[in-house]
Protein backbone atom coordinates (compact mmCIF):
# COMPACT_ATOMS: atom_id res chain seq x y z
CA MET A 1 98.64 79.17 127.69
CA GLY A 2 98.24 81.71 129.82
CA THR A 3 95.28 84.62 130.28
CA VAL A 4 97.02 87.01 128.74
CA SER A 5 97.20 84.51 125.71
CA ILE A 6 93.81 83.54 126.04
CA PHE A 7 92.59 87.15 125.94
CA VAL A 8 94.47 87.91 122.57
CA VAL A 9 93.37 84.82 121.45
CA SER A 10 89.74 85.70 121.97
CA ILE A 11 89.74 88.79 120.03
CA PHE A 12 91.26 87.60 117.20
CA VAL A 13 88.64 85.27 116.56
CA VAL A 14 85.83 87.63 117.51
CA VAL A 15 87.19 90.40 115.11
CA ILE A 16 88.19 87.24 112.20
CA VAL A 17 84.20 85.87 112.50
CA LEU A 18 82.79 89.23 112.85
CA GLY A 19 84.63 90.56 110.55
CA ALA A 20 84.05 87.99 107.87
CA LEU A 21 79.96 87.99 108.45
CA SER A 22 79.70 91.42 108.29
CA ASN A 23 81.93 92.52 105.10
CA ALA A 24 80.41 88.39 103.68
CA ALA A 25 76.73 91.04 104.70
CA VAL A 26 78.55 93.71 102.51
CA LEU A 27 79.19 92.07 99.61
CA TYR A 28 76.18 89.94 99.17
CA ALA A 29 74.65 93.21 99.36
CA VAL A 30 76.58 94.98 96.97
CA THR A 31 76.24 92.20 94.16
CA THR A 32 72.23 91.18 94.83
CA VAL A 33 70.82 94.69 95.38
CA ARG A 34 69.01 96.52 92.32
CA CYS A 35 68.83 99.11 93.07
CA ALA A 36 72.32 99.39 94.84
CA ARG A 37 74.85 99.71 91.89
CA SER A 38 76.53 102.56 91.90
CA VAL A 39 80.31 103.42 91.50
CA ALA A 40 79.99 103.96 95.74
CA SER A 41 78.25 100.81 95.93
CA ALA A 42 81.11 99.41 93.57
CA LEU A 43 84.26 101.14 96.15
CA ILE A 44 82.31 99.67 98.88
CA GLY A 45 82.46 96.53 98.42
CA ASN A 46 85.87 96.94 96.68
CA LEU A 47 86.61 97.74 100.85
CA ALA A 48 84.40 95.00 102.49
CA ALA A 49 86.84 92.43 99.98
CA SER A 50 89.92 93.85 100.78
CA ASP A 51 88.86 93.44 104.67
CA LEU A 52 87.22 89.90 103.94
CA TRP A 53 90.54 89.07 102.33
CA HIS A 54 92.70 90.65 105.57
CA CYS A 55 89.95 89.13 107.46
CA LEU A 56 90.33 85.56 106.13
CA PHE A 57 94.09 86.05 105.92
CA CYS A 58 96.53 88.62 107.34
CA LEU A 59 94.28 88.04 110.29
CA PRO A 60 94.90 84.24 111.41
CA ILE A 61 98.67 84.16 109.98
CA GLN A 62 99.22 87.04 112.63
CA LEU A 63 97.91 85.47 115.17
CA HIS A 64 99.66 82.37 115.32
CA TYR A 65 102.56 84.58 114.89
CA GLN A 66 101.62 86.55 117.87
CA LEU A 67 101.32 83.19 120.39
CA THR A 68 104.77 81.55 118.60
CA ASP A 69 106.62 84.43 118.14
CA ARG A 70 108.43 82.19 115.47
CA TRP A 71 107.72 82.54 111.80
CA VAL A 72 106.97 78.49 110.79
CA PHE A 73 105.76 79.66 107.08
CA GLY A 74 108.69 79.72 105.10
CA ALA A 75 112.13 81.62 103.96
CA VAL A 76 110.71 83.48 101.52
CA ARG A 77 107.88 85.46 103.73
CA PRO A 78 105.67 86.76 100.98
CA VAL A 79 102.64 86.87 104.40
CA PRO A 80 104.14 90.03 105.88
CA ARG A 81 104.40 92.21 102.85
CA LEU A 82 100.57 91.20 102.31
CA GLN A 83 99.87 92.29 105.18
CA GLN A 84 101.16 95.38 104.44
CA ARG A 85 99.70 95.97 101.71
CA THR A 86 96.34 95.84 102.95
CA CYS A 87 96.91 97.22 106.34
């Protein structure tokens, strides 16, 4: 593994971990804080849920594809379609 691959993996891991933790915190705050129950909070919670999905599902698959440059997740390839819809 070259230095570029190590750098790419490091950036992906940082983005995945920070994104998952921060969006989980936003979802927790939106659902538990009583005074934060408004339309704006619901929209922010929806954005956080979408971003959490992206961090936990799309980014690890994208990292694998970037490192190996081949698709091993089946012939149908539903994941790129999901990634296009969530990006």
